[in-house]
Amino acid sequence: MGQGFSESPSHESTTPRVVIPTGSRPANQANSAQPAKPVKYPWRTYVTATIFWCGEQPTQRNPTPNCMSSWDTKWMENFGGYDNPAPEKRIANHATGEFRPKDFEPKLNPFYIALPYNDLISWRAHKPEASKVIPWFSRVNPLPGKTVLKGRWIQIFVNQKSCYAQWEDCGPWVTDDWAYVFGNKPPKATENGSAGIDISPAVRDYLVIKSGTKIHWRFVEESQVPYGPWKKYGAKAVNPGVSPKPSTAQDPAAAQKEYEAYLQELRARELKRQQQGR
């Protein structure tokens, strides 16, 4: 994991050969902070993918609820409802490009993922290493406490098929694994087959895979994302460095306390889980 695909002929049978469209029009530099030239990010190969969904309730194996995300305390409300993963409750049609819950049309992109890193320690501050390890951080030049991760696009490749999705939450299991997400280390978490990425039901259905499947993934710029089912719902463009409003509270200090309480709750659950595992 964490290595780029070799271009050597001896590896052609085991590594995918992928050409990413660069788009037919220039990106809006001011809004999306696109690089002057296309960037080729390295692949993370043979990563175990697990399924998660907006509105997922806590269980013994997964104690963290997904009604809110690491960057959006109203995630399920903003999404438009419960992203039911049950196949009989979903539309999954390659002919029409519809991949979503049957009960409603989502307000946000149903093609979303989680990776195990959060760039924020509060709504007003980034983690100390964030500016050094996130490749596009200096290009975006965000205000303090404005995430540069939410909404970032990735490409997922498996079974000779590509899918594109946006980063909307942190996990699985940990939120500090920058050495894997941006480096060349394997995921630090060992649970669920050392899972290194959570994918949404829409991604699962489009790729026709199940939880535990090994996939390849890499970051891509917005201008490199072709039109597809992943652009039918929600924002069509990414505005890095701009966080959603974290709370309905008008007082910034109150919003920050709400965010810190949320992080403390997640840490407490993780500590309890670790203690139960001893």
Protein backbone atom coordinates (compact mmCIF):
# COMPACT_ATOMS: atom_id res chain seq x y z
CA MET A 1 0.00 0.00 0.00
CA GLY A 2 1.00 3.58 -0.54
CA GLN A 3 3.15 2.94 -3.62
CA GLY A 4 2.53 4.35 -7.07
CA PHE A 5 1.77 2.00 -9.93
CA SER A 6 4.87 0.81 -11.70
CA GLU A 7 5.15 1.46 -15.41
CA SER A 8 7.42 -1.52 -15.89
CA PRO A 9 6.04 -4.11 -18.35
CA SER A 10 6.67 -6.84 -15.77
CA HIS A 11 3.91 -5.38 -13.59
CA GLU A 12 1.29 -4.76 -16.25
CA SER A 13 -0.71 -7.85 -15.30
CA THR A 14 -1.08 -6.84 -11.65
CA THR A 15 -1.43 -3.08 -11.73
CA PRO A 16 -4.16 -1.03 -13.40
CA ARG A 17 -3.34 1.34 -16.22
CA VAL A 18 -5.52 4.40 -15.85
CA VAL A 19 -5.76 7.60 -17.88
CA ILE A 20 -7.63 10.39 -16.10
CA PRO A 21 -9.49 12.91 -18.26
CA THR A 22 -8.23 16.43 -17.68
CA GLY A 23 -11.52 18.13 -18.49
CA SER A 24 -12.58 20.21 -21.46
CA ARG A 25 -12.44 23.62 -19.81
CA PRO A 26 -10.06 25.37 -17.46
CA ALA A 27 -10.90 25.29 -13.77
CA ASN A 28 -11.85 28.42 -11.88
CA GLN A 29 -8.59 29.20 -10.12
CA ALA A 30 -10.10 31.60 -7.61
CA ASN A 31 -12.87 29.28 -6.42
CA SER A 32 -11.30 25.84 -6.55
CA ALA A 33 -7.60 26.59 -6.17
CA GLN A 34 -6.72 24.32 -9.09
CA PRO A 35 -3.02 23.96 -9.91
CA ALA A 36 -1.64 25.60 -13.06
CA LYS A 37 -0.80 22.13 -14.42
CA PRO A 38 -2.53 18.78 -13.74
CA VAL A 39 -1.16 17.05 -10.66
CA LYS A 40 -0.60 13.30 -10.60
CA TYR A 41 -0.98 12.06 -7.05
CA PRO A 42 0.40 8.62 -6.11
CA TRP A 43 -1.84 5.59 -5.84
CA ARG A 44 -2.58 3.84 -2.55
CA THR A 45 -2.78 0.23 -3.67
CA TYR A 46 -4.61 -2.82 -2.34
CA VAL A 47 -6.36 -0.93 0.44
CA THR A 48 -9.17 -2.65 2.33
CA ALA A 49 -12.42 -0.72 1.85
CA THR A 50 -15.31 -0.86 4.29
CA ILE A 51 -18.83 0.51 3.90
CA PHE A 52 -20.23 3.40 5.93
CA TRP A 53 -23.15 5.73 5.39
CA CYS A 54 -24.59 9.07 6.37
CA GLY A 55 -26.91 8.54 9.34
CA GLU A 56 -25.31 5.25 10.39
CA GLN A 57 -26.15 4.49 14.02
CA PRO A 58 -23.50 3.34 16.53
CA THR A 59 -22.91 -0.37 17.08
CA GLN A 60 -20.56 -2.38 19.27
CA ARG A 61 -18.16 -2.78 16.34
CA ASN A 62 -18.51 0.84 15.25
CA PRO A 63 -19.30 3.13 18.23
CA THR A 64 -19.18 6.39 16.26
CA PRO A 65 -22.54 7.66 14.90
CA ASN A 66 -22.59 9.21 11.44
CA CYS A 67 -25.45 11.66 11.81
CA MET A 68 -22.71 14.28 11.88
CA SER A 69 -19.29 14.18 10.26
CA SER A 70 -15.92 15.47 11.35
CA TRP A 71 -16.64 18.74 9.52
CA ASP A 72 -20.43 19.01 9.53
CA THR A 73 -22.48 18.65 12.72
CA LYS A 74 -25.65 18.59 10.58
CA TRP A 75 -24.41 16.09 8.01
CA MET A 76 -27.50 13.88 7.75
CA GLU A 77 -29.79 16.92 7.72
CA ASN A 78 -27.70 18.60 5.02
CA PHE A 79 -27.54 15.36 3.04
CA GLY A 80 -31.32 15.23 3.02
CA GLY A 81 -31.94 12.13 5.12
CA TYR A 82 -30.74 8.65 6.02
CA ASP A 83 -28.56 7.14 3.31
CA ASN A 84 -29.98 3.66 3.77
CA PRO A 85 -27.40 1.06 2.64
CA ALA A 86 -29.87 -1.83 2.25
CA PRO A 87 -29.90 -2.84 -1.46
CA GLU A 88 -33.69 -3.03 -1.55
CA LYS A 89 -33.84 0.58 -0.32
CA ARG A 90 -31.57 1.93 -3.04
CA ILE A 91 -31.54 2.85 -6.71
CA ALA A 92 -28.48 1.44 -8.47
CA ASN A 93 -28.79 1.79 -12.22
CA HIS A 94 -25.76 2.01 -14.50
CA ALA A 95 -27.95 2.79 -17.50
CA THR A 96 -29.44 5.94 -15.98
CA GLY A 97 -26.57 6.83 -13.66
CA GLU A 98 -28.84 6.86 -10.61
CA PHE A 99 -27.12 5.68 -7.43
CA ARG A 100 -28.95 6.93 -4.37
CA PRO A 101 -31.53 6.06 -1.70
CA LYS A 102 -35.03 5.42 -3.03
CA ASP A 103 -36.78 7.60 -0.47
CA PHE A 104 -35.35 10.97 -1.49
CA GLU A 105 -33.00 12.81 -3.81
CA PRO A 106 -29.87 13.73 -1.84
CA LYS A 107 -28.87 17.35 -1.42
CA LEU A 108 -25.20 16.35 -1.29
CA ASN A 109 -23.12 14.01 -3.41
CA PRO A 110 -23.98 10.37 -2.50
CA PHE A 111 -20.53 9.35 -3.76
CA TYR A 112 -18.53 10.08 -0.63
CA ILE A 113 -15.70 8.50 1.36
CA ALA A 114 -13.88 8.78 4.66
CA LEU A 115 -10.11 8.68 5.15
CA PRO A 116 -8.37 8.44 8.54
CA TYR A 117 -7.14 12.01 8.93
CA ASN A 118 -8.63 15.30 10.12
CA ASP A 119 -6.72 18.50 9.43
CA LEU A 120 -8.45 20.43 12.24
CA ILE A 121 -8.09 20.48 16.01
CA SER A 122 -10.85 23.08 16.36
CA TRP A 123 -12.97 25.34 14.21
CA ARG A 124 -10.18 27.91 14.61
CA ALA A 125 -7.00 25.90 14.19
CA HIS A 126 -5.32 23.28 12.02
CA LYS A 127 -3.20 20.46 13.33
CA PRO A 128 0.49 21.44 13.54
CA GLU A 129 1.56 19.07 10.77
CA ALA A 130 -1.32 19.85 8.39
CA SER A 131 0.48 22.58 6.43
CA LYS A 132 3.50 20.30 5.95
CA VAL A 133 1.86 17.00 4.99
CA ILE A 134 -1.17 18.04 2.90
CA PRO A 135 0.10 18.57 -0.67
CA TRP A 136 -2.37 21.32 -1.62
CA PHE A 137 -2.41 23.17 1.72
CA SER A 138 -0.14 26.05 0.69
CA ARG A 139 -1.95 26.41 -2.64
CA VAL A 140 -5.31 26.76 -0.91
CA ASN A 141 -3.88 28.97 1.86
CA PRO A 142 -6.92 28.52 4.12
CA LEU A 143 -8.04 30.68 7.00
CA PRO A 144 -7.34 29.20 10.45
CA GLY A 145 -9.74 26.36 11.20
CA LYS A 146 -11.01 26.05 7.61
CA THR A 147 -10.60 22.48 6.42
CA VAL A 148 -8.82 21.84 3.14
CA LEU A 149 -9.93 18.21 3.08
CA LYS A 150 -13.73 18.26 2.99
CA GLY A 151 -14.96 17.79 -0.57
CA ARG A 152 -11.61 16.74 -2.04
CA TRP A 153 -12.02 14.33 -4.94
CA ILE A 154 -10.49 10.87 -5.14
CA GLN A 155 -10.46 8.23 -7.84
CA ILE A 156 -11.13 4.62 -6.86
CA PHE A 157 -10.06 1.78 -9.16
CA VAL A 158 -11.05 -1.88 -8.88
CA ASN A 159 -11.95 -4.64 -11.34
CA GLN A 160 -10.86 -2.46 -14.27
CA LYS A 161 -13.42 0.20 -13.36
CA SER A 162 -12.97 3.75 -12.01
CA CYS A 163 -15.27 5.67 -9.70
CA TYR A 164 -14.93 9.17 -8.28
CA ALA A 165 -16.02 10.35 -4.85
CA GLN A 166 -15.58 13.21 -2.38
CA TRP A 167 -13.98 13.17 1.05
CA GLU A 168 -16.73 13.94 3.57
CA ASP A 169 -15.71 12.35 6.89
CA CYS A 170 -12.77 10.91 8.82
CA GLY A 171 -12.10 7.22 9.47
CA PRO A 172 -12.08 4.31 9.63
CA TRP A 173 -11.09 4.09 13.30
CA VAL A 174 -8.55 6.92 13.57
CA THR A 175 -8.23 10.56 12.50
CA ASP A 176 -4.47 11.16 12.71
CA ASP A 177 -3.00 8.78 10.12
CA TRP A 178 -1.40 11.35 7.82
CA ALA A 179 1.55 9.04 7.10
CA TYR A 180 -0.82 6.70 5.24
CA VAL A 181 -3.21 9.26 3.72
CA PHE A 182 -0.48 11.54 2.36
CA GLY A 183 2.61 9.34 2.65
CA ASN A 184 3.62 5.81 1.77
CA LYS A 185 2.82 3.97 5.01
CA PRO A 186 0.11 1.32 5.37
CA PRO A 187 -2.93 2.23 7.49
CA LYS A 188 -2.11 2.25 11.19
CA ALA A 189 -5.48 0.79 12.19
CA THR A 190 -5.61 -3.01 12.27
CA GLU A 191 -9.37 -3.46 12.59
CA ASN A 192 -11.45 -4.89 9.73
CA GLY A 193 -8.44 -6.17 7.81
CA SER A 194 -6.47 -2.94 8.32
CA ALA A 195 -9.20 -0.95 6.60
CA GLY A 196 -7.88 2.27 5.09
CA ILE A 197 -10.95 3.83 3.48
CA ASP A 198 -14.70 3.95 4.11
CA ILE A 199 -16.88 4.14 1.01
CA SER A 200 -20.55 5.09 0.67
CA PRO A 201 -23.32 2.75 -0.54
CA ALA A 202 -23.37 4.59 -3.89
CA VAL A 203 -19.66 3.88 -4.43
CA ARG A 204 -20.20 0.25 -3.41
CA ASP A 205 -23.11 -0.16 -5.81
CA TYR A 206 -21.39 1.55 -8.74
CA LEU A 207 -18.29 -0.64 -8.39
CA VAL A 208 -20.33 -3.74 -7.50
CA ILE A 209 -18.13 -4.62 -4.53
CA LYS A 210 -18.67 -5.51 -0.89
CA SER A 211 -17.10 -4.50 2.40
CA GLY A 212 -13.57 -5.90 2.71
CA THR A 213 -12.72 -5.59 -0.98
CA LYS A 214 -9.19 -4.44 -1.82
CA ILE A 215 -9.23 -1.29 -3.93
CA HIS A 216 -6.76 1.29 -5.26
CA TRP A 217 -7.30 4.99 -4.72
CA ARG A 218 -5.63 8.34 -5.29
CA PHE A 219 -6.40 12.04 -5.00
CA VAL A 220 -7.37 13.89 -8.16
CA GLU A 221 -8.02 17.54 -8.88
CA GLU A 222 -11.56 18.65 -9.64
CA SER A 223 -10.63 19.42 -13.24
CA GLN A 224 -9.60 15.77 -13.67
CA VAL A 225 -13.00 14.38 -12.63
CA PRO A 226 -15.14 13.40 -15.63
CA TYR A 227 -18.88 13.85 -15.57
CA GLY A 228 -20.68 10.85 -14.13
CA PRO A 229 -23.16 9.74 -11.45
CA TRP A 230 -20.90 11.40 -8.85
CA LYS A 231 -21.80 14.82 -10.25
CA LYS A 232 -25.58 14.43 -10.46
CA TYR A 233 -26.36 15.57 -6.93
CA GLY A 234 -24.92 18.14 -4.57
CA ALA A 235 -22.28 20.75 -5.33
CA LYS A 236 -20.72 20.30 -8.76
CA ALA A 237 -17.51 22.05 -7.72
CA VAL A 238 -15.22 22.00 -4.72
CA ASN A 239 -14.23 25.14 -2.88
CA PRO A 240 -11.25 24.05 -0.75
CA GLY A 241 -10.60 26.00 2.40
CA VAL A 242 -14.26 26.74 3.07
CA SER A 243 -15.92 24.75 5.83
CA PRO A 244 -19.68 24.33 6.15
CA LYS A 245 -21.23 26.30 8.96
CA PRO A 246 -20.47 24.02 11.91
CA SER A 247 -23.37 25.00 14.09
CA THR A 248 -26.54 27.01 14.25
CA ALA A 249 -24.98 28.88 17.17
CA GLN A 250 -24.23 32.49 16.26
CA ASP A 251 -21.45 32.82 18.82
CA PRO A 252 -18.11 31.52 17.36
CA ALA A 253 -16.94 30.53 20.85
CA ALA A 254 -20.06 28.41 21.34
CA ALA A 255 -19.50 26.71 17.98
CA GLN A 256 -15.90 25.95 18.91
CA LYS A 257 -16.98 24.44 22.25
CA GLU A 258 -19.55 22.30 20.42
CA TYR A 259 -16.86 21.02 18.06
CA GLU A 260 -14.41 20.31 20.91
CA ALA A 261 -17.12 18.44 22.82
CA TYR A 262 -17.74 16.33 19.74
CA LEU A 263 -14.02 15.47 19.47
CA GLN A 264 -13.86 14.63 23.19
CA GLU A 265 -16.84 12.31 22.76
CA LEU A 266 -15.11 10.50 19.90
CA ARG A 267 -11.88 10.18 21.91
CA ALA A 268 -13.77 8.82 24.93
CA ARG A 269 -15.48 6.20 22.80
CA GLU A 270 -12.19 5.19 21.22
CA LEU A 271 -10.52 4.90 24.65
CA LYS A 272 -13.40 2.79 25.94
CA ARG A 273 -13.18 0.54 22.90
CA GLN A 274 -9.45 0.06 23.41
CA GLN A 275 -9.89 -0.72 27.09
CA GLN A 276 -12.59 -3.31 26.33
CA GLY A 277 -10.24 -4.94 23.84
CA ARG A 278 -7.50 -5.57 26.41
